[in-house]
All heavy atoms as atom14 arrays in JSON, in Angstrom:
{
  "sequence": "TLSLMNVQHVPNFHRDWIERGLLKPQDLNVNVLQSP",
  "atom14_mask": [
    [1, 1, 1, 1, 1, 1, 1, 0, 0, 0, 0, 0, 0, 0],
    [1, 1, 1, 1, 1, 1, 1, 1, 0, 0, 0, 0, 0, 0],
    [1, 1, 1, 1, 1, 1, 0, 0, 0, 0, 0, 0, 0, 0],
    [1, 1, 1, 1, 1, 1, 1, 1, 0, 0, 0, 0, 0, 0],
    [1, 1, 1, 1, 1, 1, 1, 1, 0, 0, 0, 0, 0, 0],
    [1, 1, 1, 1, 1, 1, 1, 1, 0, 0, 0, 0, 0, 0],
    [1, 1, 1, 1, 1, 1, 1, 0, 0, 0, 0, 0, 0, 0],
    [1, 1, 1, 1, 1, 1, 1, 1, 1, 0, 0, 0, 0, 0],
    [1, 1, 1, 1, 1, 1, 1, 1, 1, 1, 0, 0, 0, 0],
    [1, 1, 1, 1, 1, 1, 1, 0, 0, 0, 0, 0, 0, 0],
    [1, 1, 1, 1, 1, 1, 1, 0, 0, 0, 0, 0, 0, 0],
    [1, 1, 1, 1, 1, 1, 1, 1, 0, 0, 0, 0, 0, 0],
    [1, 1, 1, 1, 1, 1, 1, 1, 1, 1, 1, 0, 0, 0],
    [1, 1, 1, 1, 1, 1, 1, 1, 1, 1, 0, 0, 0, 0],
    [1, 1, 1, 1, 1, 1, 1, 1, 1, 1, 1, 0, 0, 0],
    [1, 1, 1, 1, 1, 1, 1, 1, 0, 0, 0, 0, 0, 0],
    [1, 1, 1, 1, 1, 1, 1, 1, 1, 1, 1, 1, 1, 1],
    [1, 1, 1, 1, 1, 1, 1, 1, 0, 0, 0, 0, 0, 0],
    [1, 1, 1, 1, 1, 1, 1, 1, 1, 0, 0, 0, 0, 0],
    [1, 1, 1, 1, 1, 1, 1, 1, 1, 1, 1, 0, 0, 0],
    [1, 1, 1, 1, 0, 0, 0, 0, 0, 0, 0, 0, 0, 0],
    [1, 1, 1, 1, 1, 1, 1, 1, 0, 0, 0, 0, 0, 0],
    [1, 1, 1, 1, 1, 1, 1, 1, 0, 0, 0, 0, 0, 0],
    [1, 1, 1, 1, 1, 1, 1, 1, 1, 0, 0, 0, 0, 0],
    [1, 1, 1, 1, 1, 1, 1, 0, 0, 0, 0, 0, 0, 0],
    [1, 1, 1, 1, 1, 1, 1, 1, 1, 0, 0, 0, 0, 0],
    [1, 1, 1, 1, 1, 1, 1, 1, 0, 0, 0, 0, 0, 0],
    [1, 1, 1, 1, 1, 1, 1, 1, 0, 0, 0, 0, 0, 0],
    [1, 1, 1, 1, 1, 1, 1, 1, 0, 0, 0, 0, 0, 0],
    [1, 1, 1, 1, 1, 1, 1, 0, 0, 0, 0, 0, 0, 0],
    [1, 1, 1, 1, 1, 1, 1, 1, 0, 0, 0, 0, 0, 0],
    [1, 1, 1, 1, 1, 1, 1, 0, 0, 0, 0, 0, 0, 0],
    [1, 1, 1, 1, 1, 1, 1, 1, 0, 0, 0, 0, 0, 0],
    [1, 1, 1, 1, 1, 1, 1, 1, 1, 0, 0, 0, 0, 0],
    [1, 1, 1, 1, 1, 1, 0, 0, 0, 0, 0, 0, 0, 0],
    [1, 1, 1, 1, 1, 1, 1, 0, 0, 0, 0, 0, 0, 0]
  ],
  "atom14_positions": [
    [[0.89, -1.18, -0.05], [0.04, 0.02, -0.01], [0.86, 1.26, -0.01], [1.58, 1.53, 1.0], [-0.96, 0.01, 1.24], [-1.78, -1.15, 1.17], [-1.8, 1.16, 1.22], [0.0, 0.0, 0.0], [0.0, 0.0, 0.0], [0.0, 0.0, 0.0], [0.0, 0.0, 0.0], [0.0, 0.0, 0.0], [0.0, 0.0, 0.0], [0.0, 0.0, 0.0]],
    [[0.97, 1.92, -1.18], [1.99, 3.03, -1.35], [1.37, 4.32, -0.64], [0.23, 4.81, -1.03], [2.21, 3.23, -2.79], [3.44, 2.4, -3.44], [4.68, 2.94, -2.72], [3.2, 1.01, -3.33], [0.0, 0.0, 0.0], [0.0, 0.0, 0.0], [0.0, 0.0, 0.0], [0.0, 0.0, 0.0], [0.0, 0.0, 0.0], [0.0, 0.0, 0.0]],
    [[2.02, 4.74, 0.28], [1.63, 5.96, 1.07], [2.85, 6.9, 1.12], [3.97, 6.49, 0.73], [1.12, 5.59, 2.48], [2.26, 5.25, 3.22], [0.0, 0.0, 0.0], [0.0, 0.0, 0.0], [0.0, 0.0, 0.0], [0.0, 0.0, 0.0], [0.0, 0.0, 0.0], [0.0, 0.0, 0.0], [0.0, 0.0, 0.0], [0.0, 0.0, 0.0]],
    [[2.65, 8.04, 1.7], [3.89, 8.88, 1.9], [4.86, 8.28, 2.81], [6.07, 8.74, 2.75], [3.37, 10.25, 2.4], [2.72, 10.44, 3.78], [3.64, 10.44, 4.94], [1.87, 11.77, 3.83], [0.0, 0.0, 0.0], [0.0, 0.0, 0.0], [0.0, 0.0, 0.0], [0.0, 0.0, 0.0], [0.0, 0.0, 0.0], [0.0, 0.0, 0.0]],
    [[4.46, 7.23, 3.59], [5.37, 6.71, 4.5], [6.41, 5.79, 3.88], [7.62, 5.88, 4.2], [4.65, 5.87, 5.56], [3.74, 6.54, 6.5], [2.98, 5.59, 7.81], [1.62, 4.94, 6.83], [0.0, 0.0, 0.0], [0.0, 0.0, 0.0], [0.0, 0.0, 0.0], [0.0, 0.0, 0.0], [0.0, 0.0, 0.0], [0.0, 0.0, 0.0]],
    [[6.0, 5.08, 2.89], [6.9, 4.05, 2.31], [7.21, 4.27, 0.81], [7.97, 3.46, 0.31], [6.31, 2.68, 2.51], [4.98, 2.53, 1.7], [4.28, 3.4, 1.39], [4.6, 1.25, 1.39], [0.0, 0.0, 0.0], [0.0, 0.0, 0.0], [0.0, 0.0, 0.0], [0.0, 0.0, 0.0], [0.0, 0.0, 0.0], [0.0, 0.0, 0.0]],
    [[6.76, 5.33, 0.19], [6.98, 5.55, -1.2], [8.47, 5.61, -1.63], [8.85, 5.17, -2.76], [6.26, 6.79, -1.74], [6.83, 8.13, -1.14], [6.18, 6.82, -3.29], [0.0, 0.0, 0.0], [0.0, 0.0, 0.0], [0.0, 0.0, 0.0], [0.0, 0.0, 0.0], [0.0, 0.0, 0.0], [0.0, 0.0, 0.0], [0.0, 0.0, 0.0]],
    [[9.35, 6.06, -0.75], [10.8, 6.19, -1.03], [11.5, 4.74, -0.8], [12.5, 4.55, -1.35], [11.47, 7.23, -0.12], [11.04, 8.58, -0.44], [11.7, 9.62, 0.47], [12.84, 9.97, 0.28], [10.91, 10.14, 1.45], [0.0, 0.0, 0.0], [0.0, 0.0, 0.0], [0.0, 0.0, 0.0], [0.0, 0.0, 0.0], [0.0, 0.0, 0.0]],
    [[10.85, 3.9, 0.01], [11.52, 2.74, 0.39], [11.17, 1.51, -0.5], [11.94, 0.53, -0.72], [11.16, 2.37, 1.79], [11.7, 1.08, 2.36], [13.09, 0.92, 2.53], [11.18, -0.06, 2.72], [13.33, -0.29, 3.0], [12.25, -0.96, 3.08], [0.0, 0.0, 0.0], [0.0, 0.0, 0.0], [0.0, 0.0, 0.0], [0.0, 0.0, 0.0]],
    [[9.93, 1.45, -1.02], [9.44, 0.32, -1.78], [10.35, -0.03, -2.96], [10.52, -1.21, -3.17], [7.98, 0.54, -2.24], [7.59, -0.48, -3.3], [7.07, 0.4, -1.03], [0.0, 0.0, 0.0], [0.0, 0.0, 0.0], [0.0, 0.0, 0.0], [0.0, 0.0, 0.0], [0.0, 0.0, 0.0], [0.0, 0.0, 0.0], [0.0, 0.0, 0.0]],
    [[10.84, 0.95, -3.76], [11.72, 0.56, -4.84], [12.91, -0.32, -4.46], [13.28, -1.27, -5.05], [12.23, 1.78, -5.51], [11.0, 2.79, -5.21], [10.54, 2.36, -3.84], [0.0, 0.0, 0.0], [0.0, 0.0, 0.0], [0.0, 0.0, 0.0], [0.0, 0.0, 0.0], [0.0, 0.0, 0.0], [0.0, 0.0, 0.0], [0.0, 0.0, 0.0]],
    [[13.59, 0.09, -3.32], [14.69, -0.68, -2.84], [14.3, -2.02, -2.26], [15.02, -3.06, -2.5], [15.4, 0.12, -1.76], [16.14, 1.42, -2.14], [16.51, 1.42, -3.45], [16.24, 2.35, -1.38], [0.0, 0.0, 0.0], [0.0, 0.0, 0.0], [0.0, 0.0, 0.0], [0.0, 0.0, 0.0], [0.0, 0.0, 0.0], [0.0, 0.0, 0.0]],
    [[13.21, -2.08, -1.62], [12.66, -3.32, -1.11], [12.38, -4.28, -2.27], [12.73, -5.46, -2.23], [11.34, -3.03, -0.25], [10.49, -4.25, -0.01], [11.08, -5.46, 0.34], [9.14, -4.08, -0.02], [10.23, -6.56, 0.63], [8.29, -5.2, 0.25], [8.86, -6.42, 0.58], [0.0, 0.0, 0.0], [0.0, 0.0, 0.0], [0.0, 0.0, 0.0]],
    [[11.68, -3.75, -3.25], [11.35, -4.48, -4.48], [12.58, -5.09, -5.13], [12.7, -6.31, -5.43], [10.58, -3.6, -5.46], [10.07, -4.25, -6.71], [9.85, -3.55, -7.89], [9.73, -5.58, -6.93], [9.36, -4.48, -8.8], [9.33, -5.64, -8.29], [0.0, 0.0, 0.0], [0.0, 0.0, 0.0], [0.0, 0.0, 0.0], [0.0, 0.0, 0.0]],
    [[13.6, -4.23, -5.33], [14.78, -4.67, -5.99], [15.57, -5.71, -5.1], [16.15, -6.75, -5.77], [15.81, -3.55, -6.22], [17.02, -3.88, -7.01], [17.55, -2.66, -7.57], [18.81, -2.84, -8.33], [19.43, -1.95, -9.15], [18.85, -0.69, -9.27], [20.47, -2.31, -9.88], [0.0, 0.0, 0.0], [0.0, 0.0, 0.0], [0.0, 0.0, 0.0]],
    [[15.53, -5.55, -3.92], [16.21, -6.49, -2.95], [15.73, -7.86, -3.02], [16.38, -8.98, -3.09], [16.16, -6.05, -1.41], [16.75, -7.01, -0.5], [18.02, -7.27, -0.62], [16.13, -7.35, 0.39], [0.0, 0.0, 0.0], [0.0, 0.0, 0.0], [0.0, 0.0, 0.0], [0.0, 0.0, 0.0], [0.0, 0.0, 0.0], [0.0, 0.0, 0.0]],
    [[14.29, -7.98, -2.95], [13.71, -9.34, -3.07], [13.9, -9.98, -4.46], [14.01, -11.14, -4.55], [12.19, -9.18, -2.74], [11.99, -9.44, -1.26], [12.88, -8.99, -0.26], [10.95, -10.17, -0.7], [12.32, -9.46, 0.96], [11.16, -10.14, 0.8], [9.84, -10.87, -1.06], [10.31, -10.8, 1.69], [8.95, -11.49, -0.19], [9.22, -11.42, 1.2]],
    [[13.87, -9.16, -5.5], [14.27, -9.75, -6.81], [15.69, -10.3, -6.83], [15.84, -11.41, -7.28], [14.11, -8.59, -7.87], [12.61, -8.19, -8.03], [14.65, -9.14, -9.22], [12.38, -6.96, -8.87], [0.0, 0.0, 0.0], [0.0, 0.0, 0.0], [0.0, 0.0, 0.0], [0.0, 0.0, 0.0], [0.0, 0.0, 0.0], [0.0, 0.0, 0.0]],
    [[16.58, -9.57, -6.33], [17.98, -9.99, -6.44], [18.29, -11.17, -5.51], [19.1, -12.0, -5.73], [18.86, -8.82, -5.98], [18.92, -7.77, -7.07], [19.71, -6.55, -6.65], [20.03, -6.43, -5.39], [19.97, -5.64, -7.52], [0.0, 0.0, 0.0], [0.0, 0.0, 0.0], [0.0, 0.0, 0.0], [0.0, 0.0, 0.0], [0.0, 0.0, 0.0]],
    [[17.41, -11.37, -4.45], [17.49, -12.51, -3.53], [16.7, -13.77, -4.01], [16.76, -14.82, -3.35], [17.0, -12.16, -2.2], [17.96, -11.14, -1.45], [17.36, -10.64, -0.12], [17.1, -11.64, 0.75], [16.49, -11.42, 1.94], [16.05, -10.15, 2.28], [16.35, -12.48, 2.85], [0.0, 0.0, 0.0], [0.0, 0.0, 0.0], [0.0, 0.0, 0.0]],
    [[16.03, -13.63, -5.13], [15.32, -14.7, -5.66], [14.03, -14.95, -4.98], [13.35, -16.12, -5.19], [0.0, 0.0, 0.0], [0.0, 0.0, 0.0], [0.0, 0.0, 0.0], [0.0, 0.0, 0.0], [0.0, 0.0, 0.0], [0.0, 0.0, 0.0], [0.0, 0.0, 0.0], [0.0, 0.0, 0.0], [0.0, 0.0, 0.0], [0.0, 0.0, 0.0]],
    [[13.47, -14.12, -4.19], [12.24, -14.2, -3.5], [11.05, -13.8, -4.34], [9.91, -13.96, -3.97], [12.27, -13.47, -2.15], [13.37, -13.95, -1.16], [13.41, -13.06, 0.06], [13.19, -15.41, -0.82], [0.0, 0.0, 0.0], [0.0, 0.0, 0.0], [0.0, 0.0, 0.0], [0.0, 0.0, 0.0], [0.0, 0.0, 0.0], [0.0, 0.0, 0.0]],
    [[11.39, -13.02, -5.35], [10.23, -12.38, -6.19], [10.73, -12.16, -7.61], [11.83, -11.98, -7.87], [9.94, -11.02, -5.52], [8.65, -10.33, -5.92], [7.48, -10.96, -5.34], [8.68, -8.87, -5.52], [0.0, 0.0, 0.0], [0.0, 0.0, 0.0], [0.0, 0.0, 0.0], [0.0, 0.0, 0.0], [0.0, 0.0, 0.0], [0.0, 0.0, 0.0]],
    [[9.75, -12.46, -8.55], [10.0, -12.08, -9.95], [9.86, -10.59, -10.14], [8.95, -9.93, -9.5], [9.09, -12.94, -10.78], [9.38, -14.42, -10.69], [8.3, -15.23, -11.57], [8.51, -16.7, -11.49], [7.6, -17.51, -12.11], [0.0, 0.0, 0.0], [0.0, 0.0, 0.0], [0.0, 0.0, 0.0], [0.0, 0.0, 0.0], [0.0, 0.0, 0.0]],
    [[10.52, -10.03, -11.12], [10.37, -8.51, -11.29], [8.94, -7.99, -11.52], [8.64, -6.99, -10.99], [11.21, -8.32, -12.61], [12.19, -9.41, -12.55], [11.5, -10.63, -11.96], [0.0, 0.0, 0.0], [0.0, 0.0, 0.0], [0.0, 0.0, 0.0], [0.0, 0.0, 0.0], [0.0, 0.0, 0.0], [0.0, 0.0, 0.0], [0.0, 0.0, 0.0]],
    [[8.14, -8.84, -12.25], [6.85, -8.4, -12.55], [5.82, -8.56, -11.37], [4.68, -8.08, -11.39], [6.27, -9.04, -13.79], [5.97, -10.59, -13.54], [7.08, -11.48, -13.9], [8.2, -11.13, -13.85], [6.86, -12.7, -14.13], [0.0, 0.0, 0.0], [0.0, 0.0, 0.0], [0.0, 0.0, 0.0], [0.0, 0.0, 0.0], [0.0, 0.0, 0.0]],
    [[6.21, -9.29, -10.34], [5.22, -9.71, -9.25], [5.2, -8.56, -8.13], [5.47, -8.83, -6.96], [5.69, -11.0, -8.73], [5.43, -12.15, -9.7], [4.63, -11.88, -10.68], [5.99, -13.16, -9.63], [0.0, 0.0, 0.0], [0.0, 0.0, 0.0], [0.0, 0.0, 0.0], [0.0, 0.0, 0.0], [0.0, 0.0, 0.0], [0.0, 0.0, 0.0]],
    [[4.75, -7.44, -8.52], [4.48, -6.36, -7.52], [3.25, -5.6, -8.07], [3.25, -5.16, -9.2], [5.65, -5.43, -7.39], [5.4, -4.26, -6.3], [6.67, -3.99, -5.53], [4.97, -2.98, -7.07], [0.0, 0.0, 0.0], [0.0, 0.0, 0.0], [0.0, 0.0, 0.0], [0.0, 0.0, 0.0], [0.0, 0.0, 0.0], [0.0, 0.0, 0.0]],
    [[2.24, -5.44, -7.23], [1.06, -4.77, -7.58], [1.08, -3.46, -6.83], [0.96, -3.46, -5.56], [-0.24, -5.56, -7.31], [-1.51, -4.84, -7.58], [-1.72, -4.38, -8.62], [-2.36, -4.71, -6.48], [0.0, 0.0, 0.0], [0.0, 0.0, 0.0], [0.0, 0.0, 0.0], [0.0, 0.0, 0.0], [0.0, 0.0, 0.0], [0.0, 0.0, 0.0]],
    [[1.11, -2.31, -7.5], [1.13, -1.03, -6.86], [-0.33, -0.7, -6.44], [-1.21, -0.51, -7.28], [1.67, 0.03, -7.85], [1.42, 1.44, -7.2], [3.14, -0.14, -8.09], [0.0, 0.0, 0.0], [0.0, 0.0, 0.0], [0.0, 0.0, 0.0], [0.0, 0.0, 0.0], [0.0, 0.0, 0.0], [0.0, 0.0, 0.0], [0.0, 0.0, 0.0]],
    [[-0.59, -0.65, -5.09], [-1.79, -0.3, -4.54], [-1.69, 1.17, -3.92], [-1.07, 1.21, -2.83], [-2.19, -1.37, -3.54], [-3.52, -0.94, -2.86], [-4.46, -0.38, -3.42], [-3.59, -1.39, -1.54], [0.0, 0.0, 0.0], [0.0, 0.0, 0.0], [0.0, 0.0, 0.0], [0.0, 0.0, 0.0], [0.0, 0.0, 0.0], [0.0, 0.0, 0.0]],
    [[-2.17, 2.12, -4.48], [-1.95, 3.44, -4.02], [-3.0, 3.77, -2.91], [-4.23, 3.73, -3.16], [-2.06, 4.55, -5.05], [-1.9, 5.94, -4.57], [-1.05, 4.3, -6.15], [0.0, 0.0, 0.0], [0.0, 0.0, 0.0], [0.0, 0.0, 0.0], [0.0, 0.0, 0.0], [0.0, 0.0, 0.0], [0.0, 0.0, 0.0], [0.0, 0.0, 0.0]],
    [[-2.58, 4.12, -1.77], [-3.49, 4.41, -0.63], [-4.29, 5.72, -0.97], [-3.76, 6.67, -1.44], [-2.75, 4.67, 0.67], [-3.5, 4.99, 1.83], [-2.87, 4.42, 3.18], [-3.6, 6.5, 2.11], [0.0, 0.0, 0.0], [0.0, 0.0, 0.0], [0.0, 0.0, 0.0], [0.0, 0.0, 0.0], [0.0, 0.0, 0.0], [0.0, 0.0, 0.0]],
    [[-5.62, 5.62, -0.82], [-6.45, 6.78, -1.03], [-7.08, 7.27, 0.21], [-7.53, 8.41, 0.32], [-7.55, 6.43, -2.07], [-6.96, 6.14, -3.44], [-7.94, 5.72, -4.38], [-8.79, 4.84, -4.17], [-7.97, 6.33, -5.6], [0.0, 0.0, 0.0], [0.0, 0.0, 0.0], [0.0, 0.0, 0.0], [0.0, 0.0, 0.0], [0.0, 0.0, 0.0]],
    [[-7.1, 6.45, 1.23], [-7.8, 6.86, 2.59], [-7.09, 6.15, 3.7], [-6.77, 4.92, 3.51], [-9.26, 6.52, 2.56], [-9.9, 6.96, 3.72], [0.0, 0.0, 0.0], [0.0, 0.0, 0.0], [0.0, 0.0, 0.0], [0.0, 0.0, 0.0], [0.0, 0.0, 0.0], [0.0, 0.0, 0.0], [0.0, 0.0, 0.0], [0.0, 0.0, 0.0]],
    [[-6.74, 6.79, 4.8], [-7.01, 8.17, 5.13], [-6.15, 9.1, 4.38], [-5.04, 8.83, 4.0], [-6.64, 8.23, 6.67], [-6.53, 6.86, 7.16], [-6.19, 5.97, 5.96], [0.0, 0.0, 0.0], [0.0, 0.0, 0.0], [0.0, 0.0, 0.0], [0.0, 0.0, 0.0], [0.0, 0.0, 0.0], [0.0, 0.0, 0.0], [0.0, 0.0, 0.0]]
  ]
}
């Protein structure tokens, strides 16, 4: 859930799991927080 809290961190998290073989590059669904 992309919010102002984690928007800067998620790209690094995404890349780390890809490089560790825990995730395929395409396997991330961007869910933009709308509320609160």
